[in-house]
């Protein structure tokens, strides 16, 4: 059983029922904001996960126009950076 250093056995937690892509955004955002020391490779991986999650959100397969897809990708990249 896990016990905190101060002897407590309970932790404060928020439980949310969200889709996988939203969970990825929450986890990576939390890590980027709250971890004191992150390697450059860890930051890069977190940003890549976020970018991939953003690209999957609202993806339409019936567009038929590759130009529109390129515009969506560009906006996704702007959101993450």
PDB file of N, CA and C in Angstrom:
ATOM      1  N   UNK A   1       0.843  -1.178   0.000  1.00  0.00           N
ATOM      2  CA  UNK A   1       0.000   0.000   0.000  1.00  0.00           C
ATOM      3  C   UNK A   1       0.884   1.235   0.000  1.00  0.00           C
ATOM      4  N   UNK A   2       0.461   2.216  -0.764  1.00  0.00           N
ATOM      5  CA  UNK A   2       1.207   3.456  -0.891  1.00  0.00           C
ATOM      6  C   UNK A   2       0.864   4.388   0.267  1.00  0.00           C
ATOM      7  N   UNK A   3       1.887   4.957   0.914  1.00  0.00           N
ATOM      8  CA  UNK A   3       1.679   5.889   2.019  1.00  0.00           C
ATOM      9  C   UNK A   3       2.557   7.106   1.783  1.00  0.00           C
ATOM     10  N   UNK A   4       1.987   8.296   1.924  1.00  0.00           N
ATOM     11  CA  UNK A   4       2.761   9.522   1.788  1.00  0.00           C
ATOM     12  C   UNK A   4       3.759   9.638   2.925  1.00  0.00           C
ATOM     13  N   UNK A   5       4.729  10.508   2.735  1.00  0.00           N
ATOM     14  CA  UNK A   5       5.735  10.717   3.764  1.00  0.00           C
ATOM     15  C   UNK A   5       5.124  11.215   5.078  1.00  0.00           C
ATOM     16  N   UNK A   6       4.019  11.953   4.983  1.00  0.00           N
ATOM     17  CA  UNK A   6       3.398  12.467   6.205  1.00  0.00           C
ATOM     18  C   UNK A   6       2.404  11.466   6.806  1.00  0.00           C
ATOM     19  N   UNK A   7       2.345  10.252   6.259  1.00  0.00           N
ATOM     20  CA  UNK A   7       1.509   9.206   6.833  1.00  0.00           C
ATOM     21  C   UNK A   7       0.103   9.109   6.261  1.00  0.00           C
ATOM     22  N   UNK A   8      -0.284  10.030   5.396  1.00  0.00           N
ATOM     23  CA  UNK A   8      -1.629   9.984   4.822  1.00  0.00           C
ATOM     24  C   UNK A   8      -1.737   8.858   3.806  1.00  0.00           C
ATOM     25  N   UNK A   9      -2.916   8.272   3.719  1.00  0.00           N
ATOM     26  CA  UNK A   9      -3.163   7.206   2.746  1.00  0.00           C
ATOM     27  C   UNK A   9      -4.098   7.650   1.634  1.00  0.00           C
ATOM     28  N   UNK A  10      -4.553   8.876   1.684  1.00  0.00           N
ATOM     29  CA  UNK A  10      -5.467   9.395   0.670  1.00  0.00           C
ATOM     30  C   UNK A  10      -4.792  10.545  -0.071  1.00  0.00           C
ATOM     31  N   UNK A  11      -5.188  10.710  -1.323  1.00  0.00           N
ATOM     32  CA  UNK A  11      -4.713  11.841  -2.111  1.00  0.00           C
ATOM     33  C   UNK A  11      -5.918  12.556  -2.692  1.00  0.00           C
ATOM     34  N   UNK A  12      -5.740  13.827  -2.996  1.00  0.00           N
ATOM     35  CA  UNK A  12      -6.791  14.586  -3.666  1.00  0.00           C
ATOM     36  C   UNK A  12      -6.711  14.255  -5.156  1.00  0.00           C
ATOM     37  N   UNK A  13      -7.830  13.952  -5.746  1.00  0.00           N
ATOM     38  CA  UNK A  13      -7.840  13.597  -7.166  1.00  0.00           C
ATOM     39  C   UNK A  13      -9.139  14.040  -7.809  1.00  0.00           C
ATOM     40  N   UNK A  14      -9.046  14.346  -9.078  1.00  0.00           N
ATOM     41  CA  UNK A  14     -10.218  14.654  -9.892  1.00  0.00           C
ATOM     42  C   UNK A  14     -10.313  13.554 -10.939  1.00  0.00           C
ATOM     43  N   UNK A  15     -11.451  12.914 -11.010  1.00  0.00           N
ATOM     44  CA  UNK A  15     -11.658  11.840 -11.981  1.00  0.00           C
ATOM     45  C   UNK A  15     -12.618  12.344 -13.048  1.00  0.00           C
ATOM     46  N   UNK A  16     -12.167  12.270 -14.280  1.00  0.00           N
ATOM     47  CA  UNK A  16     -12.984  12.736 -15.404  1.00  0.00           C
ATOM     48  C   UNK A  16     -13.118  11.615 -16.426  1.00  0.00           C
ATOM     49  N   UNK A  17     -14.292  11.514 -16.996  1.00  0.00           N
ATOM     50  CA  UNK A  17     -14.534  10.558 -18.071  1.00  0.00           C
ATOM     51  C   UNK A  17     -14.412  11.321 -19.383  1.00  0.00           C
ATOM     52  N   UNK A  18     -13.261  11.211 -20.037  1.00  0.00           N
ATOM     53  CA  UNK A  18     -13.011  11.950 -21.276  1.00  0.00           C
ATOM     54  C   UNK A  18     -12.521  10.997 -22.358  1.00  0.00           C
ATOM     55  N   UNK A  19     -12.559  11.471 -23.583  1.00  0.00           N
ATOM     56  CA  UNK A  19     -12.047  10.694 -24.709  1.00  0.00           C
ATOM     57  C   UNK A  19     -10.521  10.632 -24.628  1.00  0.00           C
ATOM     58  N   UNK A  20      -9.943   9.671 -25.324  1.00  0.00           N
ATOM     59  CA  UNK A  20      -8.499   9.445 -25.263  1.00  0.00           C
ATOM     60  C   UNK A  20      -7.691  10.683 -25.647  1.00  0.00           C
ATOM     61  N   UNK A  21      -8.080  11.374 -26.715  1.00  0.00           N
ATOM     62  CA  UNK A  21      -7.323  12.539 -27.154  1.00  0.00           C
ATOM     63  C   UNK A  21      -7.352  13.663 -26.116  1.00  0.00           C
ATOM     64  N   UNK A  22      -8.481  13.845 -25.468  1.00  0.00           N
ATOM     65  CA  UNK A  22      -8.583  14.854 -24.417  1.00  0.00           C
ATOM     66  C   UNK A  22      -7.705  14.449 -23.232  1.00  0.00           C
ATOM     67  N   UNK A  23      -7.686  13.168 -22.899  1.00  0.00           N
ATOM     68  CA  UNK A  23      -6.837  12.679 -21.808  1.00  0.00           C
ATOM     69  C   UNK A  23      -5.360  12.940 -22.109  1.00  0.00           C
ATOM     70  N   UNK A  24      -4.959  12.723 -23.351  1.00  0.00           N
ATOM     71  CA  UNK A  24      -3.569  12.988 -23.753  1.00  0.00           C
ATOM     72  C   UNK A  24      -3.246  14.457 -23.546  1.00  0.00           C
ATOM     73  N   UNK A  25      -4.155  15.342 -23.940  1.00  0.00           N
ATOM     74  CA  UNK A  25      -3.929  16.778 -23.779  1.00  0.00           C
ATOM     75  C   UNK A  25      -3.800  17.151 -22.301  1.00  0.00           C
ATOM     76  N   UNK A  26      -4.647  16.590 -21.462  1.00  0.00           N
ATOM     77  CA  UNK A  26      -4.610  16.895 -20.028  1.00  0.00           C
ATOM     78  C   UNK A  26      -3.306  16.410 -19.406  1.00  0.00           C
ATOM     79  N   UNK A  27      -2.923  15.186 -19.715  1.00  0.00           N
ATOM     80  CA  UNK A  27      -1.716  14.600 -19.127  1.00  0.00           C
ATOM     81  C   UNK A  27      -0.463  15.357 -19.570  1.00  0.00           C
ATOM     82  N   UNK A  28      -0.332  15.592 -20.864  1.00  0.00           N
ATOM     83  CA  UNK A  28       0.876  16.254 -21.354  1.00  0.00           C
ATOM     84  C   UNK A  28       0.943  17.699 -20.875  1.00  0.00           C
ATOM     85  N   UNK A  29      -0.195  18.378 -20.851  1.00  0.00           N
ATOM     86  CA  UNK A  29      -0.220  19.757 -20.371  1.00  0.00           C
ATOM     87  C   UNK A  29       0.193  19.818 -18.903  1.00  0.00           C
ATOM     88  N   UNK A  30      -0.314  18.904 -18.115  1.00  0.00           N
ATOM     89  CA  UNK A  30       0.031  18.858 -16.699  1.00  0.00           C
ATOM     90  C   UNK A  30       1.527  18.595 -16.510  1.00  0.00           C
ATOM     91  N   UNK A  31       2.071  17.654 -17.248  1.00  0.00           N
ATOM     92  CA  UNK A  31       3.506  17.367 -17.143  1.00  0.00           C
ATOM     93  C   UNK A  31       4.350  18.563 -17.540  1.00  0.00           C
ATOM     94  N   UNK A  32       3.974  19.235 -18.624  1.00  0.00           N
ATOM     95  CA  UNK A  32       4.748  20.380 -19.089  1.00  0.00           C
ATOM     96  C   UNK A  32       4.700  21.537 -18.090  1.00  0.00           C
ATOM     97  N   UNK A  33       3.584  21.709 -17.419  1.00  0.00           N
ATOM     98  CA  UNK A  33       3.432  22.833 -16.486  1.00  0.00           C
ATOM     99  C   UNK A  33       3.999  22.555 -15.105  1.00  0.00           C
ATOM    100  N   UNK A  34       3.939  21.313 -14.645  1.00  0.00           N
ATOM    101  CA  UNK A  34       4.225  21.055 -13.245  1.00  0.00           C
ATOM    102  C   UNK A  34       5.534  20.320 -12.952  1.00  0.00           C
ATOM    103  N   UNK A  35       6.136  19.715 -13.937  1.00  0.00           N
ATOM    104  CA  UNK A  35       7.416  19.039 -13.679  1.00  0.00           C
ATOM    105  C   UNK A  35       8.539  20.061 -13.746  1.00  0.00           C
ATOM    106  N   UNK A  36       9.386  20.054 -12.732  1.00  0.00           N
ATOM    107  CA  UNK A  36      10.438  21.059 -12.651  1.00  0.00           C
ATOM    108  C   UNK A  36      11.516  20.867 -13.715  1.00  0.00           C
ATOM    109  N   UNK A  37      11.954  19.643 -13.878  1.00  0.00           N
ATOM    110  CA  UNK A  37      13.022  19.381 -14.837  1.00  0.00           C
ATOM    111  C   UNK A  37      12.533  18.396 -15.892  1.00  0.00           C
ATOM    112  N   UNK A  38      12.500  18.863 -17.123  1.00  0.00           N
ATOM    113  CA  UNK A  38      12.139  18.005 -18.246  1.00  0.00           C
ATOM    114  C   UNK A  38      13.270  18.033 -19.254  1.00  0.00           C
ATOM    115  N   UNK A  39      13.636  16.879 -19.737  1.00  0.00           N
ATOM    116  CA  UNK A  39      14.618  16.828 -20.812  1.00  0.00           C
ATOM    117  C   UNK A  39      13.990  17.396 -22.082  1.00  0.00           C
ATOM    118  N   UNK A  40      14.819  17.895 -22.962  1.00  0.00           N
ATOM    119  CA  UNK A  40      14.319  18.423 -24.232  1.00  0.00           C
ATOM    120  C   UNK A  40      13.567  17.343 -25.002  1.00  0.00           C
ATOM    121  N   UNK A  41      14.049  16.112 -24.915  1.00  0.00           N
ATOM    122  CA  UNK A  41      13.386  15.014 -25.616  1.00  0.00           C
ATOM    123  C   UNK A  41      11.996  14.735 -25.021  1.00  0.00           C
ATOM    124  N   UNK A  42      11.846  14.904 -23.693  1.00  0.00           N
ATOM    125  CA  UNK A  42      10.540  14.702 -23.060  1.00  0.00           C
ATOM    126  C   UNK A  42       9.559  15.797 -23.479  1.00  0.00           C
ATOM    127  N   UNK A  43      10.049  17.033 -23.550  1.00  0.00           N
ATOM    128  CA  UNK A  43       9.191  18.135 -24.013  1.00  0.00           C
ATOM    129  C   UNK A  43       8.760  17.898 -25.459  1.00  0.00           C
ATOM    130  N   UNK A  44       9.705  17.523 -26.288  1.00  0.00           N
ATOM    131  CA  UNK A  44       9.401  17.288 -27.703  1.00  0.00           C
ATOM    132  C   UNK A  44       8.364  16.181 -27.850  1.00  0.00           C
ATOM    133  N   UNK A  45       8.512  15.109 -27.081  1.00  0.00           N
ATOM    134  CA  UNK A  45       7.561  14.001 -27.160  1.00  0.00           C
ATOM    135  C   UNK A  45       6.179  14.450 -26.701  1.00  0.00           C
ATOM    136  N   UNK A  46       6.109  15.257 -25.639  1.00  0.00           N
ATOM    137  CA  UNK A  46       4.818  15.756 -25.155  1.00  0.00           C
ATOM    138  C   UNK A  46       4.142  16.621 -26.209  1.00  0.00           C
ATOM    139  N   UNK A  47       4.918  17.517 -26.828  1.00  0.00           N
ATOM    140  CA  UNK A  47       4.342  18.374 -27.868  1.00  0.00           C
ATOM    141  C   UNK A  47       3.889  17.551 -29.076  1.00  0.00           C
ATOM    142  N   UNK A  48       4.626  16.501 -29.411  1.00  0.00           N
ATOM    143  CA  UNK A  48       4.218  15.639 -30.523  1.00  0.00           C
ATOM    144  C   UNK A  48       2.906  14.933 -30.198  1.00  0.00           C
ATOM    145  N   UNK A  49       2.772  14.422 -28.964  1.00  0.00           N
ATOM    146  CA  UNK A  49       1.519  13.784 -28.556  1.00  0.00           C
ATOM    147  C   UNK A  49       0.353  14.768 -28.655  1.00  0.00           C
ATOM    148  N   UNK A  50       0.590  16.003 -28.221  1.00  0.00           N
ATOM    149  CA  UNK A  50      -0.464  17.017 -28.294  1.00  0.00           C
ATOM    150  C   UNK A  50      -0.839  17.314 -29.739  1.00  0.00           C
ATOM    151  N   UNK A  51       0.153  17.481 -30.579  1.00  0.00           N
ATOM    152  CA  UNK A  51      -0.109  17.768 -31.990  1.00  0.00           C
ATOM    153  C   UNK A  51      -0.898  16.639 -32.645  1.00  0.00           C
ATOM    154  N   UNK A  52      -0.509  15.408 -32.370  1.00  0.00           N
ATOM    155  CA  UNK A  52      -1.228  14.258 -32.931  1.00  0.00           C
ATOM    156  C   UNK A  52      -2.676  14.217 -32.440  1.00  0.00           C
ATOM    157  N   UNK A  53      -2.896  14.528 -31.163  1.00  0.00           N
ATOM    158  CA  UNK A  53      -4.252  14.532 -30.610  1.00  0.00           C
ATOM    159  C   UNK A  53      -5.090  15.625 -31.247  1.00  0.00           C
ATOM    160  N   UNK A  54      -4.501  16.794 -31.464  1.00  0.00           N
ATOM    161  CA  UNK A  54      -5.230  17.903 -32.094  1.00  0.00           C
ATOM    162  C   UNK A  54      -5.588  17.551 -33.533  1.00  0.00           C
ATOM    163  N   UNK A  55      -4.673  16.917 -34.228  1.00  0.00           N
ATOM    164  CA  UNK A  55      -4.943  16.534 -35.617  1.00  0.00           C
ATOM    165  C   UNK A  55      -6.105  15.550 -35.719  1.00  0.00           C
ATOM    166  N   UNK A  56      -6.231  14.667 -34.743  1.00  0.00           N
ATOM    167  CA  UNK A  56      -7.305  13.667 -34.783  1.00  0.00           C
ATOM    168  C   UNK A  56      -8.665  14.244 -34.416  1.00  0.00           C
ATOM    169  N   UNK A  57      -8.708  15.335 -33.670  1.00  0.00           N
ATOM    170  CA  UNK A  57      -9.977  15.908 -33.236  1.00  0.00           C
ATOM    171  C   UNK A  57     -10.711  16.506 -34.425  1.00  0.00           C
ATOM    172  N   UNK A  58     -11.939  16.112 -34.582  1.00  0.00           N
ATOM    173  CA  UNK A  58     -12.776  16.669 -35.627  1.00  0.00           C
ATOM    174  C   UNK A  58     -12.338  16.320 -37.029  1.00  0.00           C
ATOM    175  N   UNK A  59     -11.550  15.272 -37.182  1.00  0.00           N
ATOM    176  CA  UNK A  59     -11.057  14.891 -38.496  1.00  0.00           C
ATOM    177  C   UNK A  59     -12.198  14.384 -39.362  1.00  0.00           C
ATOM    178  N   UNK A  60     -12.246  14.889 -40.593  1.00  0.00           N
ATOM    179  CA  UNK A  60     -13.275  14.474 -41.535  1.00  0.00           C
ATOM    180  C   UNK A  60     -12.617  13.700 -42.662  1.00  0.00           C
ATOM    181  N   UNK A  61     -13.253  12.616 -43.035  1.00  0.00           N
ATOM    182  CA  UNK A  61     -12.695  11.778 -44.085  1.00  0.00           C
ATOM    183  C   UNK A  61     -13.393  11.970 -45.422  1.00  0.00           C
ATOM    184  N   UNK A  62     -14.403  12.823 -45.474  1.00  0.00           N
ATOM    185  CA  UNK A  62     -15.157  13.004 -46.713  1.00  0.00           C
ATOM    186  C   UNK A  62     -14.828  14.307 -47.420  1.00  0.00           C
ATOM    187  N   UNK A  63     -13.724  14.943 -47.094  1.00  0.00           N
ATOM    188  CA  UNK A  63     -13.396  16.221 -47.697  1.00  0.00           C
ATOM    189  C   UNK A  63     -13.001  16.078 -49.164  1.00  0.00           C
ATOM    190  N   UNK A  64     -12.146  15.125 -49.466  1.00  0.00           N
ATOM    191  CA  UNK A  64     -11.730  14.904 -50.844  1.00  0.00           C
ATOM    192  C   UNK A  64     -10.790  15.961 -51.372  1.00  0.00           C
ATOM    193  N   UNK A  65     -10.522  16.998 -50.613  1.00  0.00           N
ATOM    194  CA  UNK A  65      -9.663  18.080 -51.060  1.00  0.00           C
ATOM    195  C   UNK A  65      -8.432  18.118 -50.167  1.00  0.00           C
ATOM    196  N   UNK A  66      -7.266  17.791 -50.717  1.00  0.00           N
ATOM    197  CA  UNK A  66      -6.049  17.740 -49.908  1.00  0.00           C
ATOM    198  C   UNK A  66      -5.631  19.128 -49.431  1.00  0.00           C
ATOM    199  N   UNK A  67      -6.054  20.183 -50.126  1.00  0.00           N
ATOM    200  CA  UNK A  67      -5.745  21.547 -49.710  1.00  0.00           C
ATOM    201  C   UNK A  67      -6.333  21.851 -48.340  1.00  0.00           C
ATOM    202  N   UNK A  68      -7.575  21.457 -48.138  1.00  0.00           N
ATOM    203  CA  UNK A  68      -8.243  21.694 -46.862  1.00  0.00           C
ATOM    204  C   UNK A  68      -7.516  20.961 -45.742  1.00  0.00           C
ATOM    205  N   UNK A  69      -7.075  19.751 -45.999  1.00  0.00           N
ATOM    206  CA  UNK A  69      -6.344  18.970 -45.005  1.00  0.00           C
ATOM    207  C   UNK A  69      -5.053  19.676 -44.612  1.00  0.00           C
ATOM    208  N   UNK A  70      -4.343  20.232 -45.582  1.00  0.00           N
ATOM    209  CA  UNK A  70      -3.104  20.950 -45.293  1.00  0.00           C
ATOM    210  C   UNK A  70      -3.379  22.177 -44.424  1.00  0.00           C
ATOM    211  N   UNK A  71      -4.501  22.854 -44.653  1.00  0.00           N
ATOM    212  CA  UNK A  71      -4.859  24.018 -43.839  1.00  0.00           C
ATOM    213  C   UNK A  71      -5.146  23.602 -42.405  1.00  0.00           C
ATOM    214  N   UNK A  72      -5.831  22.480 -42.221  1.00  0.00           N
ATOM    215  CA  UNK A  72      -6.131  21.996 -40.869  1.00  0.00           C
ATOM    216  C   UNK A  72      -4.831  21.662 -40.151  1.00  0.00           C
ATOM    217  N   UNK A  73      -3.895  20.978 -40.816  1.00  0.00           N
ATOM    218  CA  UNK A  73      -2.613  20.633 -40.201  1.00  0.00           C
ATOM    219  C   UNK A  73      -1.852  21.881 -39.779  1.00  0.00           C
ATOM    220  N   UNK A  74      -1.867  22.908 -40.603  1.00  0.00           N
ATOM    221  CA  UNK A  74      -1.140  24.133 -40.284  1.00  0.00           C
ATOM    222  C   UNK A  74      -1.720  24.771 -39.028  1.00  0.00           C
ATOM    223  N   UNK A  75      -3.032  24.857 -38.934  1.00  0.00           N
ATOM    224  CA  UNK A  75      -3.645  25.459 -37.758  1.00  0.00           C
ATOM    225  C   UNK A  75      -3.357  24.638 -36.508  1.00  0.00           C
ATOM    226  N   UNK A  76      -3.339  23.329 -36.608  1.00  0.00           N
ATOM    227  CA  UNK A  76      -3.051  22.467 -35.472  1.00  0.00           C
ATOM    228  C   UNK A  76      -1.656  22.746 -34.933  1.00  0.00           C
ATOM    229  N   UNK A  77      -0.697  22.890 -35.832  1.00  0.00           N
ATOM    230  CA  UNK A  77       0.660  23.159 -35.416  1.00  0.00           C
ATOM    231  C   UNK A  77       0.767  24.517 -34.726  1.00  0.00           C
ATOM    232  N   UNK A  78       0.027  25.507 -35.211  1.00  0.00           N
ATOM    233  CA  UNK A  78       0.042  26.827 -34.602  1.00  0.00           C
ATOM    234  C   UNK A  78      -0.532  26.788 -33.181  1.00  0.00           C
ATOM    235  N   UNK A  79      -1.532  25.951 -32.947  1.00  0.00           N
ATOM    236  CA  UNK A  79      -2.138  25.849 -31.622  1.00  0.00           C
ATOM    237  C   UNK A  79      -1.148  25.309 -30.608  1.00  0.00           C
ATOM    238  N   UNK A  80      -0.377  24.310 -30.986  1.00  0.00           N
ATOM    239  CA  UNK A  80       0.534  23.656 -30.052  1.00  0.00           C
ATOM    240  C   UNK A  80       1.742  24.532 -29.741  1.00  0.00           C
ATOM    241  N   UNK A  81       2.251  25.257 -30.721  1.00  0.00           N
ATOM    242  CA  UNK A  81       3.475  26.050 -30.503  1.00  0.00           C
ATOM    243  C   UNK A  81       3.207  27.367 -29.914  1.00  0.00           C
TER     244      UNK A  81
END
